[in-house]
Amino acid sequence: MLPREGLIPAVLGTAVTAAGLALRNTNPVVGWGIAGFGLAHIVLGAIDLLEHPPEEF
């Protein structure tokens, strides 16, 4: 069974956002940039999840 479309970008976006927030203390500009990139993936993954509802068998 394949995961729903958009689930993988949303999960990876969560991990990237967490990594970016962890980097804020070391280099704030890079940390916030990475966190923003991750947040964009969460939003795009959520849009995909909403556009493609699960199929019933």
Protein backbone atom coordinates (compact mmCIF):
# COMPACT_ATOMS: atom_id res chain seq x y z
CA MET A 1 0.00 0.00 0.00
CA LEU A 2 1.44 3.33 -1.05
CA PRO A 3 1.27 6.36 1.23
CA ARG A 4 -1.17 9.09 0.35
CA GLU A 5 0.09 11.72 -2.04
CA GLY A 6 1.49 14.64 -0.06
CA LEU A 7 2.26 12.68 3.09
CA ILE A 8 5.97 12.28 2.35
CA PRO A 9 6.60 16.02 1.69
CA ALA A 10 4.66 16.92 4.85
CA VAL A 11 6.67 14.52 7.02
CA LEU A 12 10.00 15.53 5.49
CA GLY A 13 9.02 19.18 5.86
CA THR A 14 8.45 18.58 9.56
CA ALA A 15 11.94 17.11 9.91
CA VAL A 16 13.54 19.95 7.93
CA THR A 17 11.67 22.55 9.99
CA ALA A 18 12.90 20.95 13.21
CA ALA A 19 16.47 20.93 11.90
CA GLY A 20 16.21 24.59 10.92
CA LEU A 21 14.86 25.57 14.33
CA ALA A 22 17.72 23.67 15.97
CA LEU A 23 20.24 25.65 13.88
CA ARG A 24 18.90 29.04 14.96
CA ASN A 25 21.35 29.28 17.88
CA THR A 26 24.37 28.58 15.67
CA ASN A 27 23.47 30.70 12.64
CA PRO A 28 20.08 32.46 12.81
CA VAL A 29 19.88 33.40 9.13
CA VAL A 30 20.57 29.89 7.86
CA GLY A 31 18.38 28.34 10.57
CA TRP A 32 15.37 30.47 9.70
CA GLY A 33 15.95 29.86 5.98
CA ILE A 34 15.94 26.10 6.45
CA ALA A 35 12.90 26.33 8.75
CA GLY A 36 11.04 28.34 6.10
CA PHE A 37 11.92 25.78 3.45
CA GLY A 38 10.54 23.03 5.69
CA LEU A 39 7.36 25.00 6.40
CA ALA A 40 6.80 25.45 2.67
CA HIS A 41 6.99 21.67 2.23
CA ILE A 42 4.50 21.15 5.05
CA VAL A 43 2.05 23.54 3.38
CA LEU A 44 2.49 21.98 -0.07
CA GLY A 45 2.12 18.47 1.35
CA ALA A 46 -1.05 19.52 3.20
CA ILE A 47 -2.49 20.96 -0.01
CA ASP A 48 -1.81 17.65 -1.79
CA LEU A 49 -3.44 15.74 1.05
CA LEU A 50 -6.56 17.90 0.82
CA GLU A 51 -6.77 17.74 -2.98
CA HIS A 52 -6.47 13.95 -3.15
CA PRO A 53 -8.80 12.28 -0.66
CA PRO A 54 -8.16 8.61 0.18
CA GLU A 55 -9.65 6.14 -2.26
CA GLU A 56 -12.18 3.65 -0.96
CA PHE A 57 -11.79 0.03 -1.97
